[in-house]
């Protein structure tokens, strides 16, 4: 069973930065497609960014140029660096790791609040 644990959320002012981390047990990031999703109150969960097992990344249009998704296989961590944060980025952020036919796992989420 794959377990994911997110950390790094918090309260930040507009224009500020946060870095989210997600740790996996066991170490499956190198063989997975990993995604960061977010869900704001009253809205559906949406994909923010994803990285494939080959390291190909893609981003939602709303975060392109502001967010960076990276992976450190040796440390068994993935990161979402979020810069130039906006109030509309406020949401619970979730880490997901998926490998077809093997697992599709979610973390518990971490709250990000962007407010002055």
PDB file of N, CA and C in Angstrom:
ATOM      1  N   UNK A   1       0.841  -1.186   0.000  1.00  0.00           N
ATOM      2  CA  UNK A   1       0.000   0.000   0.000  1.00  0.00           C
ATOM      3  C   UNK A   1       0.883   1.246   0.000  1.00  0.00           C
ATOM      4  N   UNK A   2       0.586   2.173  -0.899  1.00  0.00           N
ATOM      5  CA  UNK A   2       1.367   3.398  -0.999  1.00  0.00           C
ATOM      6  C   UNK A   2       0.764   4.462  -0.094  1.00  0.00           C
ATOM      7  N   UNK A   3       1.620   5.090   0.698  1.00  0.00           N
ATOM      8  CA  UNK A   3       1.183   6.190   1.546  1.00  0.00           C
ATOM      9  C   UNK A   3       1.887   7.468   1.124  1.00  0.00           C
ATOM     10  N   UNK A   4       1.125   8.538   1.024  1.00  0.00           N
ATOM     11  CA  UNK A   4       1.661   9.838   0.644  1.00  0.00           C
ATOM     12  C   UNK A   4       1.369  10.834   1.763  1.00  0.00           C
ATOM     13  N   UNK A   5       2.358  11.660   2.072  1.00  0.00           N
ATOM     14  CA  UNK A   5       2.189  12.667   3.119  1.00  0.00           C
ATOM     15  C   UNK A   5       2.670  14.004   2.585  1.00  0.00           C
ATOM     16  N   UNK A   6       1.741  14.979   2.546  1.00  0.00           N
ATOM     17  CA  UNK A   6       2.080  16.319   2.096  1.00  0.00           C
ATOM     18  C   UNK A   6       2.462  17.195   3.281  1.00  0.00           C
ATOM     19  N   UNK A   7       3.244  18.211   3.012  1.00  0.00           N
ATOM     20  CA  UNK A   7       3.588  19.203   4.025  1.00  0.00           C
ATOM     21  C   UNK A   7       3.938  20.507   3.317  1.00  0.00           C
ATOM     22  N   UNK A   8       3.997  21.575   4.100  1.00  0.00           N
ATOM     23  CA  UNK A   8       4.454  22.850   3.567  1.00  0.00           C
ATOM     24  C   UNK A   8       3.371  23.886   3.329  1.00  0.00           C
ATOM     25  N   UNK A   9       2.132  23.529   3.566  1.00  0.00           N
ATOM     26  CA  UNK A   9       1.072  24.499   3.383  1.00  0.00           C
ATOM     27  C   UNK A   9       1.102  25.566   4.467  1.00  0.00           C
ATOM     28  N   UNK A  10       0.260  26.592   4.283  1.00  0.00           N
ATOM     29  CA  UNK A  10       0.198  27.638   5.278  1.00  0.00           C
ATOM     30  C   UNK A  10      -0.496  28.869   4.749  1.00  0.00           C
ATOM     31  N   UNK A  11      -0.335  29.935   5.497  1.00  0.00           N
ATOM     32  CA  UNK A  11      -0.924  31.224   5.142  1.00  0.00           C
ATOM     33  C   UNK A  11       0.175  32.119   4.581  1.00  0.00           C
ATOM     34  N   UNK A  12      -0.099  32.711   3.428  1.00  0.00           N
ATOM     35  CA  UNK A  12       0.889  33.578   2.795  1.00  0.00           C
ATOM     36  C   UNK A  12       0.160  34.754   2.165  1.00  0.00           C
ATOM     37  N   UNK A  13       0.850  35.873   2.074  1.00  0.00           N
ATOM     38  CA  UNK A  13       0.264  37.053   1.458  1.00  0.00           C
ATOM     39  C   UNK A  13       0.326  36.948  -0.069  1.00  0.00           C
ATOM     40  N   UNK A  14      -0.559  37.632  -0.754  1.00  0.00           N
ATOM     41  CA  UNK A  14      -0.481  37.644  -2.222  1.00  0.00           C
ATOM     42  C   UNK A  14       0.903  38.084  -2.686  1.00  0.00           C
ATOM     43  N   UNK A  15       1.412  37.393  -3.687  1.00  0.00           N
ATOM     44  CA  UNK A  15       2.749  37.657  -4.179  1.00  0.00           C
ATOM     45  C   UNK A  15       3.822  36.840  -3.499  1.00  0.00           C
ATOM     46  N   UNK A  16       3.461  36.160  -2.428  1.00  0.00           N
ATOM     47  CA  UNK A  16       4.425  35.366  -1.681  1.00  0.00           C
ATOM     48  C   UNK A  16       4.655  33.999  -2.287  1.00  0.00           C
ATOM     49  N   UNK A  17       5.460  33.205  -1.580  1.00  0.00           N
ATOM     50  CA  UNK A  17       5.845  31.885  -2.067  1.00  0.00           C
ATOM     51  C   UNK A  17       5.671  30.831  -0.983  1.00  0.00           C
ATOM     52  N   UNK A  18       5.433  29.625  -1.424  1.00  0.00           N
ATOM     53  CA  UNK A  18       5.418  28.451  -0.555  1.00  0.00           C
ATOM     54  C   UNK A  18       5.993  27.289  -1.336  1.00  0.00           C
ATOM     55  N   UNK A  19       6.554  26.333  -0.609  1.00  0.00           N
ATOM     56  CA  UNK A  19       6.984  25.099  -1.245  1.00  0.00           C
ATOM     57  C   UNK A  19       6.308  23.931  -0.549  1.00  0.00           C
ATOM     58  N   UNK A  20       5.547  23.189  -1.311  1.00  0.00           N
ATOM     59  CA  UNK A  20       4.905  21.987  -0.799  1.00  0.00           C
ATOM     60  C   UNK A  20       5.800  20.787  -1.065  1.00  0.00           C
ATOM     61  N   UNK A  21       5.764  19.841  -0.141  1.00  0.00           N
ATOM     62  CA  UNK A  21       6.505  18.595  -0.292  1.00  0.00           C
ATOM     63  C   UNK A  21       5.546  17.429  -0.159  1.00  0.00           C
ATOM     64  N   UNK A  22       5.907  16.354  -0.808  1.00  0.00           N
ATOM     65  CA  UNK A  22       5.134  15.112  -0.684  1.00  0.00           C
ATOM     66  C   UNK A  22       6.129  13.970  -0.587  1.00  0.00           C
ATOM     67  N   UNK A  23       5.968  13.172   0.461  1.00  0.00           N
ATOM     68  CA  UNK A  23       6.812  12.005   0.676  1.00  0.00           C
ATOM     69  C   UNK A  23       5.999  10.749   0.458  1.00  0.00           C
ATOM     70  N   UNK A  24       6.639   9.740  -0.105  1.00  0.00           N
ATOM     71  CA  UNK A  24       5.948   8.479  -0.381  1.00  0.00           C
ATOM     72  C   UNK A  24       6.606   7.325   0.355  1.00  0.00           C
ATOM     73  N   UNK A  25       5.777   6.415   0.773  1.00  0.00           N
ATOM     74  CA  UNK A  25       6.249   5.172   1.367  1.00  0.00           C
ATOM     75  C   UNK A  25       5.440   4.032   0.790  1.00  0.00           C
ATOM     76  N   UNK A  26       6.087   3.059   0.126  1.00  0.00           N
ATOM     77  CA  UNK A  26       7.507   2.999  -0.202  1.00  0.00           C
ATOM     78  C   UNK A  26       7.896   4.004  -1.289  1.00  0.00           C
ATOM     79  N   UNK A  27       9.140   3.979  -1.677  1.00  0.00           N
ATOM     80  CA  UNK A  27       9.645   4.927  -2.664  1.00  0.00           C
ATOM     81  C   UNK A  27       9.183   4.533  -4.056  1.00  0.00           C
ATOM     82  N   UNK A  28       8.160   5.199  -4.546  1.00  0.00           N
ATOM     83  CA  UNK A  28       7.556   4.842  -5.835  1.00  0.00           C
ATOM     84  C   UNK A  28       7.589   5.989  -6.846  1.00  0.00           C
ATOM     85  N   UNK A  29       8.150   7.100  -6.456  1.00  0.00           N
ATOM     86  CA  UNK A  29       8.057   8.253  -7.348  1.00  0.00           C
ATOM     87  C   UNK A  29       8.730   8.010  -8.692  1.00  0.00           C
ATOM     88  N   UNK A  30       9.798   7.263  -8.706  1.00  0.00           N
ATOM     89  CA  UNK A  30      10.543   7.090  -9.953  1.00  0.00           C
ATOM     90  C   UNK A  30       9.776   6.248 -10.971  1.00  0.00           C
ATOM     91  N   UNK A  31       8.764   5.513 -10.510  1.00  0.00           N
ATOM     92  CA  UNK A  31       8.012   4.658 -11.433  1.00  0.00           C
ATOM     93  C   UNK A  31       6.591   5.158 -11.636  1.00  0.00           C
ATOM     94  N   UNK A  32       6.282   6.313 -11.077  1.00  0.00           N
ATOM     95  CA  UNK A  32       4.898   6.797 -11.057  1.00  0.00           C
ATOM     96  C   UNK A  32       4.724   8.049 -11.896  1.00  0.00           C
ATOM     97  N   UNK A  33       3.484   8.290 -12.255  1.00  0.00           N
ATOM     98  CA  UNK A  33       3.070   9.637 -12.626  1.00  0.00           C
ATOM     99  C   UNK A  33       2.572  10.291 -11.343  1.00  0.00           C
ATOM    100  N   UNK A  34       3.137  11.429 -11.020  1.00  0.00           N
ATOM    101  CA  UNK A  34       2.810  12.108  -9.773  1.00  0.00           C
ATOM    102  C   UNK A  34       2.157  13.432 -10.098  1.00  0.00           C
ATOM    103  N   UNK A  35       1.100  13.713  -9.385  1.00  0.00           N
ATOM    104  CA  UNK A  35       0.385  14.960  -9.637  1.00  0.00           C
ATOM    105  C   UNK A  35       0.109  15.730  -8.374  1.00  0.00           C
ATOM    106  N   UNK A  36       0.083  17.039  -8.515  1.00  0.00           N
ATOM    107  CA  UNK A  36      -0.432  17.913  -7.466  1.00  0.00           C
ATOM    108  C   UNK A  36      -1.802  18.397  -7.934  1.00  0.00           C
ATOM    109  N   UNK A  37      -2.783  18.213  -7.079  1.00  0.00           N
ATOM    110  CA  UNK A  37      -4.138  18.661  -7.333  1.00  0.00           C
ATOM    111  C   UNK A  37      -4.534  19.656  -6.250  1.00  0.00           C
ATOM    112  N   UNK A  38      -5.564  20.408  -6.519  1.00  0.00           N
ATOM    113  CA  UNK A  38      -6.083  21.294  -5.481  1.00  0.00           C
ATOM    114  C   UNK A  38      -7.602  21.343  -5.562  1.00  0.00           C
ATOM    115  N   UNK A  39      -8.184  21.623  -4.408  1.00  0.00           N
ATOM    116  CA  UNK A  39      -9.630  21.747  -4.336  1.00  0.00           C
ATOM    117  C   UNK A  39      -9.978  22.925  -3.449  1.00  0.00           C
ATOM    118  N   UNK A  40     -10.621  23.893  -4.053  1.00  0.00           N
ATOM    119  CA  UNK A  40     -11.096  25.062  -3.315  1.00  0.00           C
ATOM    120  C   UNK A  40     -12.519  24.799  -2.856  1.00  0.00           C
ATOM    121  N   UNK A  41     -12.960  25.497  -1.813  1.00  0.00           N
ATOM    122  CA  UNK A  41     -14.324  25.290  -1.312  1.00  0.00           C
ATOM    123  C   UNK A  41     -15.364  25.484  -2.410  1.00  0.00           C
ATOM    124  N   UNK A  42     -16.253  24.513  -2.534  1.00  0.00           N
ATOM    125  CA  UNK A  42     -17.323  24.597  -3.509  1.00  0.00           C
ATOM    126  C   UNK A  42     -16.915  24.300  -4.930  1.00  0.00           C
ATOM    127  N   UNK A  43     -15.662  23.901  -5.137  1.00  0.00           N
ATOM    128  CA  UNK A  43     -15.179  23.624  -6.488  1.00  0.00           C
ATOM    129  C   UNK A  43     -14.690  22.187  -6.589  1.00  0.00           C
ATOM    130  N   UNK A  44     -14.588  21.732  -7.833  1.00  0.00           N
ATOM    131  CA  UNK A  44     -14.081  20.394  -8.060  1.00  0.00           C
ATOM    132  C   UNK A  44     -12.564  20.368  -7.927  1.00  0.00           C
ATOM    133  N   UNK A  45     -12.054  19.202  -7.593  1.00  0.00           N
ATOM    134  CA  UNK A  45     -10.612  19.046  -7.538  1.00  0.00           C
ATOM    135  C   UNK A  45     -10.045  19.183  -8.948  1.00  0.00           C
ATOM    136  N   UNK A  46      -8.940  19.911  -9.051  1.00  0.00           N
ATOM    137  CA  UNK A  46      -8.343  20.141 -10.356  1.00  0.00           C
ATOM    138  C   UNK A  46      -6.850  19.830 -10.331  1.00  0.00           C
ATOM    139  N   UNK A  47      -6.356  19.418 -11.481  1.00  0.00           N
ATOM    140  CA  UNK A  47      -4.935  19.140 -11.611  1.00  0.00           C
ATOM    141  C   UNK A  47      -4.165  20.453 -11.719  1.00  0.00           C
ATOM    142  N   UNK A  48      -3.137  20.573 -10.903  1.00  0.00           N
ATOM    143  CA  UNK A  48      -2.276  21.749 -10.926  1.00  0.00           C
ATOM    144  C   UNK A  48      -1.026  21.482 -11.761  1.00  0.00           C
ATOM    145  N   UNK A  49      -0.393  20.355 -11.495  1.00  0.00           N
ATOM    146  CA  UNK A  49       0.844  20.017 -12.198  1.00  0.00           C
ATOM    147  C   UNK A  49       1.061  18.520 -12.073  1.00  0.00           C
ATOM    148  N   UNK A  50       1.766  17.962 -13.051  1.00  0.00           N
ATOM    149  CA  UNK A  50       2.059  16.534 -13.016  1.00  0.00           C
ATOM    150  C   UNK A  50       3.441  16.289 -13.591  1.00  0.00           C
ATOM    151  N   UNK A  51       4.035  15.203 -13.164  1.00  0.00           N
ATOM    152  CA  UNK A  51       5.319  14.794 -13.695  1.00  0.00           C
ATOM    153  C   UNK A  51       5.276  13.297 -13.944  1.00  0.00           C
ATOM    154  N   UNK A  52       5.726  12.876 -15.115  1.00  0.00           N
ATOM    155  CA  UNK A  52       5.704  11.458 -15.434  1.00  0.00           C
ATOM    156  C   UNK A  52       6.948  10.781 -14.878  1.00  0.00           C
ATOM    157  N   UNK A  53       6.966   9.458 -14.980  1.00  0.00           N
ATOM    158  CA  UNK A  53       8.129   8.708 -14.505  1.00  0.00           C
ATOM    159  C   UNK A  53       9.384   9.063 -15.309  1.00  0.00           C
ATOM    160  N   UNK A  54       9.193   9.589 -16.505  1.00  0.00           N
ATOM    161  CA  UNK A  54      10.335   9.997 -17.329  1.00  0.00           C
ATOM    162  C   UNK A  54      10.733  11.440 -17.085  1.00  0.00           C
ATOM    163  N   UNK A  55      10.018  12.117 -16.174  1.00  0.00           N
ATOM    164  CA  UNK A  55      10.387  13.484 -15.831  1.00  0.00           C
ATOM    165  C   UNK A  55       9.729  14.562 -16.662  1.00  0.00           C
ATOM    166  N   UNK A  56       8.746  14.194 -17.465  1.00  0.00           N
ATOM    167  CA  UNK A  56       8.034  15.191 -18.267  1.00  0.00           C
ATOM    168  C   UNK A  56       6.988  15.867 -17.394  1.00  0.00           C
ATOM    169  N   UNK A  57       7.008  17.178 -17.366  1.00  0.00           N
ATOM    170  CA  UNK A  57       6.072  17.915 -16.523  1.00  0.00           C
ATOM    171  C   UNK A  57       5.032  18.645 -17.376  1.00  0.00           C
ATOM    172  N   UNK A  58       3.890  18.835 -16.803  1.00  0.00           N
ATOM    173  CA  UNK A  58       2.890  19.704 -17.408  1.00  0.00           C
ATOM    174  C   UNK A  58       2.153  20.443 -16.311  1.00  0.00           C
ATOM    175  N   UNK A  59       1.644  21.605 -16.671  1.00  0.00           N
ATOM    176  CA  UNK A  59       1.036  22.503 -15.704  1.00  0.00           C
ATOM    177  C   UNK A  59      -0.307  23.011 -16.197  1.00  0.00           C
ATOM    178  N   UNK A  60      -1.187  23.287 -15.252  1.00  0.00           N
ATOM    179  CA  UNK A  60      -2.416  23.978 -15.587  1.00  0.00           C
ATOM    180  C   UNK A  60      -2.068  25.384 -16.069  1.00  0.00           C
ATOM    181  N   UNK A  61      -2.849  25.892 -16.992  1.00  0.00           N
ATOM    182  CA  UNK A  61      -2.576  27.227 -17.534  1.00  0.00           C
ATOM    183  C   UNK A  61      -2.543  28.288 -16.441  1.00  0.00           C
ATOM    184  N   UNK A  62      -3.349  28.088 -15.420  1.00  0.00           N
ATOM    185  CA  UNK A  62      -3.478  29.090 -14.360  1.00  0.00           C
ATOM    186  C   UNK A  62      -2.215  29.217 -13.503  1.00  0.00           C
ATOM    187  N   UNK A  63      -1.323  28.229 -13.584  1.00  0.00           N
ATOM    188  CA  UNK A  63      -0.123  28.273 -12.733  1.00  0.00           C
ATOM    189  C   UNK A  63       1.171  28.302 -13.536  1.00  0.00           C
ATOM    190  N   UNK A  64       1.074  28.211 -14.848  1.00  0.00           N
ATOM    191  CA  UNK A  64       2.281  28.220 -15.681  1.00  0.00           C
ATOM    192  C   UNK A  64       3.090  29.481 -15.430  1.00  0.00           C
ATOM    193  N   UNK A  65       4.388  29.288 -15.275  1.00  0.00           N
ATOM    194  CA  UNK A  65       5.276  30.418 -15.025  1.00  0.00           C
ATOM    195  C   UNK A  65       5.376  30.803 -13.567  1.00  0.00           C
ATOM    196  N   UNK A  66       4.508  30.279 -12.737  1.00  0.00           N
ATOM    197  CA  UNK A  66       4.528  30.597 -11.307  1.00  0.00           C
ATOM    198  C   UNK A  66       4.880  29.391 -10.445  1.00  0.00           C
ATOM    199  N   UNK A  67       4.436  28.208 -10.850  1.00  0.00           N
ATOM    200  CA  UNK A  67       4.657  26.996 -10.078  1.00  0.00           C
ATOM    201  C   UNK A  67       5.684  26.122 -10.785  1.00  0.00           C
ATOM    202  N   UNK A  68       6.477  25.418  -9.989  1.00  0.00           N
ATOM    203  CA  UNK A  68       7.455  24.481 -10.527  1.00  0.00           C
ATOM    204  C   UNK A  68       7.372  23.175  -9.771  1.00  0.00           C
ATOM    205  N   UNK A  69       7.236  22.098 -10.516  1.00  0.00           N
ATOM    206  CA  UNK A  69       7.136  20.764  -9.951  1.00  0.00           C
ATOM    207  C   UNK A  69       8.487  20.082 -10.134  1.00  0.00           C
ATOM    208  N   UNK A  70       9.035  19.558  -9.056  1.00  0.00           N
ATOM    209  CA  UNK A  70      10.296  18.840  -9.165  1.00  0.00           C
ATOM    210  C   UNK A  70      10.235  17.562  -8.353  1.00  0.00           C
ATOM    211  N   UNK A  71      11.174  16.683  -8.650  1.00  0.00           N
ATOM    212  CA  UNK A  71      11.193  15.366  -8.008  1.00  0.00           C
ATOM    213  C   UNK A  71      12.617  15.036  -7.621  1.00  0.00           C
ATOM    214  N   UNK A  72      12.783  14.516  -6.418  1.00  0.00           N
ATOM    215  CA  UNK A  72      14.089  14.057  -5.931  1.00  0.00           C
ATOM    216  C   UNK A  72      13.938  12.594  -5.574  1.00  0.00           C
ATOM    217  N   UNK A  73      14.294  11.730  -6.524  1.00  0.00           N
ATOM    218  CA  UNK A  73      14.100  10.292  -6.294  1.00  0.00           C
ATOM    219  C   UNK A  73      14.949   9.776  -5.140  1.00  0.00           C
ATOM    220  N   UNK A  74      16.151  10.336  -4.991  1.00  0.00           N
ATOM    221  CA  UNK A  74      17.043   9.869  -3.927  1.00  0.00           C
ATOM    222  C   UNK A  74      16.465  10.154  -2.546  1.00  0.00           C
ATOM    223  N   UNK A  75      15.801  11.297  -2.422  1.00  0.00           N
ATOM    224  CA  UNK A  75      15.208  11.663  -1.133  1.00  0.00           C
ATOM    225  C   UNK A  75      13.762  11.215  -1.004  1.00  0.00           C
ATOM    226  N   UNK A  76      13.249  10.618  -2.084  1.00  0.00           N
ATOM    227  CA  UNK A  76      11.867  10.125  -2.037  1.00  0.00           C
ATOM    228  C   UNK A  76      10.869  11.251  -1.788  1.00  0.00           C
ATOM    229  N   UNK A  77      11.101  12.375  -2.449  1.00  0.00           N
ATOM    230  CA  UNK A  77      10.258  13.540  -2.277  1.00  0.00           C
ATOM    231  C   UNK A  77       9.923  14.160  -3.630  1.00  0.00           C
ATOM    232  N   UNK A  78       8.749  14.762  -3.681  1.00  0.00           N
ATOM    233  CA  UNK A  78       8.421  15.657  -4.784  1.00  0.00           C
ATOM    234  C   UNK A  78       8.060  16.997  -4.181  1.00  0.00           C
ATOM    235  N   UNK A  79       8.256  18.048  -4.963  1.00  0.00           N
ATOM    236  CA  UNK A  79       8.035  19.395  -4.477  1.00  0.00           C
ATOM    237  C   UNK A  79       7.168  20.170  -5.460  1.00  0.00           C
ATOM    238  N   UNK A  80       6.407  21.094  -4.905  1.00  0.00           N
ATOM    239  CA  UNK A  80       5.708  22.067  -5.731  1.00  0.00           C
ATOM    240  C   UNK A  80       6.111  23.438  -5.210  1.00  0.00           C
ATOM    241  N   UNK A  81       6.976  24.107  -5.955  1.00  0.00           N
ATOM    242  CA  UNK A  81       7.376  25.467  -5.609  1.00  0.00           C
ATOM    243  C   UNK A  81       6.348  26.419  -6.185  1.00  0.00           C
ATOM    244  N   UNK A  82       5.742  27.201  -5.326  1.00  0.00           N
ATOM    245  CA  UNK A  82       4.671  28.103  -5.738  1.00  0.00           C
ATOM    246  C   UNK A  82       5.105  29.539  -5.482  1.00  0.00           C
ATOM    247  N   UNK A  83       5.248  30.297  -6.545  1.00  0.00           N
ATOM    248  CA  UNK A  83       5.648  31.700  -6.452  1.00  0.00           C
ATOM    249  C   UNK A  83       4.529  32.612  -6.944  1.00  0.00           C
ATOM    250  N   UNK A  84       4.642  33.862  -6.618  1.00  0.00           N
ATOM    251  CA  UNK A  84       3.653  34.866  -7.062  1.00  0.00           C
ATOM    252  C   UNK A  84       2.226  34.386  -6.767  1.00  0.00           C
ATOM    253  N   UNK A  85       2.031  33.931  -5.557  1.00  0.00           N
ATOM    254  CA  UNK A  85       0.729  33.360  -5.190  1.00  0.00           C
ATOM    255  C   UNK A  85      -0.372  34.402  -5.226  1.00  0.00           C
ATOM    256  N   UNK A  86      -1.546  33.922  -5.604  1.00  0.00           N
ATOM    257  CA  UNK A  86      -2.732  34.764  -5.729  1.00  0.00           C
ATOM    258  C   UNK A  86      -3.826  34.229  -4.813  1.00  0.00           C
ATOM    259  N   UNK A  87      -4.759  35.083  -4.422  1.00  0.00           N
ATOM    260  CA  UNK A  87      -5.863  34.590  -3.582  1.00  0.00           C
ATOM    261  C   UNK A  87      -6.597  33.405  -4.206  1.00  0.00           C
ATOM    262  N   UNK A  88      -6.685  33.369  -5.514  1.00  0.00           N
ATOM    263  CA  UNK A  88      -7.379  32.260  -6.170  1.00  0.00           C
ATOM    264  C   UNK A  88      -6.598  30.952  -6.121  1.00  0.00           C
ATOM    265  N   UNK A  89      -5.378  30.982  -5.620  1.00  0.00           N
ATOM    266  CA  UNK A  89      -4.629  29.744  -5.403  1.00  0.00           C
ATOM    267  C   UNK A  89      -5.008  29.083  -4.078  1.00  0.00           C
ATOM    268  N   UNK A  90      -5.815  29.750  -3.287  1.00  0.00           N
ATOM    269  CA  UNK A  90      -6.236  29.197  -2.007  1.00  0.00           C
ATOM    270  C   UNK A  90      -7.021  27.912  -2.221  1.00  0.00           C
ATOM    271  N   UNK A  91      -6.579  26.839  -1.571  1.00  0.00           N
ATOM    272  CA  UNK A  91      -7.200  25.535  -1.732  1.00  0.00           C
ATOM    273  C   UNK A  91      -6.489  24.540  -0.834  1.00  0.00           C
ATOM    274  N   UNK A  92      -7.066  23.362  -0.738  1.00  0.00           N
ATOM    275  CA  UNK A  92      -6.349  22.230  -0.174  1.00  0.00           C
ATOM    276  C   UNK A  92      -5.608  21.556  -1.329  1.00  0.00           C
ATOM    277  N   UNK A  93      -4.327  21.347  -1.135  1.00  0.00           N
ATOM    278  CA  UNK A  93      -3.481  20.764  -2.173  1.00  0.00           C
ATOM    279  C   UNK A  93      -3.204  19.303  -1.827  1.00  0.00           C
ATOM    280  N   UNK A  94      -3.368  18.451  -2.830  1.00  0.00           N
ATOM    281  CA  UNK A  94      -3.215  17.015  -2.651  1.00  0.00           C
ATOM    282  C   UNK A  94      -2.133  16.481  -3.577  1.00  0.00           C
ATOM    283  N   UNK A  95      -1.411  15.512  -3.074  1.00  0.00           N
ATOM    284  CA  UNK A  95      -0.429  14.786  -3.864  1.00  0.00           C
ATOM    285  C   UNK A  95      -1.048  13.456  -4.295  1.00  0.00           C
ATOM    286  N   UNK A  96      -0.819  13.093  -5.538  1.00  0.00           N
ATOM    287  CA  UNK A  96      -1.322  11.819  -6.072  1.00  0.00           C
ATOM    288  C   UNK A  96      -0.195  11.110  -6.794  1.00  0.00           C
ATOM    289  N   UNK A  97      -0.112   9.815  -6.580  1.00  0.00           N
ATOM    290  CA  UNK A  97       0.847   8.986  -7.310  1.00  0.00           C
ATOM    291  C   UNK A  97       0.104   7.816  -7.928  1.00  0.00           C
ATOM    292  N   UNK A  98       0.376   7.602  -9.195  1.00  0.00           N
ATOM    293  CA  UNK A  98      -0.389   6.580  -9.913  1.00  0.00           C
ATOM    294  C   UNK A  98       0.503   5.789 -10.854  1.00  0.00           C
ATOM    295  N   UNK A  99       0.303   4.480 -10.837  1.00  0.00           N
ATOM    296  CA  UNK A  99       0.881   3.617 -11.852  1.00  0.00           C
ATOM    297  C   UNK A  99      -0.200   2.645 -12.252  1.00  0.00           C
ATOM    298  N   UNK A 100      -0.556   2.689 -13.518  1.00  0.00           N
ATOM    299  CA  UNK A 100      -1.687   1.925 -14.005  1.00  0.00           C
ATOM    300  C   UNK A 100      -1.580   0.451 -13.633  1.00  0.00           C
ATOM    301  N   UNK A 101      -2.649  -0.033 -13.045  1.00  0.00           N
ATOM    302  CA  UNK A 101      -2.712  -1.439 -12.671  1.00  0.00           C
ATOM    303  C   UNK A 101      -2.065  -1.781 -11.355  1.00  0.00           C
ATOM    304  N   UNK A 102      -1.372  -0.809 -10.755  1.00  0.00           N
ATOM    305  CA  UNK A 102      -0.681  -1.086  -9.485  1.00  0.00           C
ATOM    306  C   UNK A 102      -1.206  -0.250  -8.330  1.00  0.00           C
ATOM    307  N   UNK A 103      -1.273   1.038  -8.503  1.00  0.00           N
ATOM    308  CA  UNK A 103      -1.746   1.882  -7.413  1.00  0.00           C
ATOM    309  C   UNK A 103      -2.192   3.234  -7.946  1.00  0.00           C
ATOM    310  N   UNK A 104      -3.046   3.858  -7.172  1.00  0.00           N
ATOM    311  CA  UNK A 104      -3.546   5.211  -7.422  1.00  0.00           C
ATOM    312  C   UNK A 104      -3.828   5.783  -6.036  1.00  0.00           C
ATOM    313  N   UNK A 105      -2.842   6.469  -5.479  1.00  0.00           N
ATOM    314  CA  UNK A 105      -2.871   6.851  -4.064  1.00  0.00           C
ATOM    315  C   UNK A 105      -2.895   8.358  -3.895  1.00  0.00           C
ATOM    316  N   UNK A 106      -3.551   8.781  -2.806  1.00  0.00           N
ATOM    317  CA  UNK A 106      -3.691  10.200  -2.477  1.00  0.00           C
ATOM    318  C   UNK A 106      -3.163  10.466  -1.079  1.00  0.00           C
ATOM    319  N   UNK A 107      -2.618  11.656  -0.908  1.00  0.00           N
ATOM    320  CA  UNK A 107      -2.269  12.116   0.418  1.00  0.00           C
ATOM    321  C   UNK A 107      -3.483  12.728   1.097  1.00  0.00           C
ATOM    322  N   UNK A 108      -3.257  13.203   2.312  1.00  0.00           N
ATOM    323  CA  UNK A 108      -4.358  13.739   3.110  1.00  0.00           C
ATOM    324  C   UNK A 108      -4.641  15.204   2.797  1.00  0.00           C
ATOM    325  N   UNK A 109      -3.730  15.843   2.097  1.00  0.00           N
ATOM    326  CA  UNK A 109      -3.921  17.236   1.714  1.00  0.00           C
ATOM    327  C   UNK A 109      -3.267  18.207   2.673  1.00  0.00           C
ATOM    328  N   UNK A 110      -2.920  19.375   2.141  1.00  0.00           N
ATOM    329  CA  UNK A 110      -2.361  20.447   2.955  1.00  0.00           C
ATOM    330  C   UNK A 110      -2.992  21.759   2.512  1.00  0.00           C
ATOM    331  N   UNK A 111      -3.384  22.566   3.487  1.00  0.00           N
ATOM    332  CA  UNK A 111      -4.112  23.802   3.191  1.00  0.00           C
ATOM    333  C   UNK A 111      -3.148  24.916   2.801  1.00  0.00           C
ATOM    334  N   UNK A 112      -3.479  25.581   1.706  1.00  0.00           N
ATOM    335  CA  UNK A 112      -2.765  26.780   1.289  1.00  0.00           C
ATOM    336  C   UNK A 112      -3.768  27.923   1.265  1.00  0.00           C
ATOM    337  N   UNK A 113      -3.464  28.975   2.001  1.00  0.00           N
ATOM    338  CA  UNK A 113      -4.332  30.142   2.050  1.00  0.00           C
ATOM    339  C   UNK A 113      -3.532  31.366   1.655  1.00  0.00           C
ATOM    340  N   UNK A 114      -4.016  32.054   0.635  1.00  0.00           N
ATOM    341  CA  UNK A 114      -3.347  33.266   0.161  1.00  0.00           C
ATOM    342  C   UNK A 114      -4.272  34.442   0.472  1.00  0.00           C
ATOM    343  N   UNK A 115      -3.838  35.254   1.405  1.00  0.00           N
ATOM    344  CA  UNK A 115      -4.697  36.340   1.859  1.00  0.00           C
ATOM    345  C   UNK A 115      -3.862  37.445   2.478  1.00  0.00           C
ATOM    346  N   UNK A 116      -4.329  38.656   2.313  1.00  0.00           N
ATOM    347  CA  UNK A 116      -3.649  39.782   2.957  1.00  0.00           C
ATOM    348  C   UNK A 116      -4.263  40.057   4.327  1.00  0.00           C
TER     349      UNK A 116
END
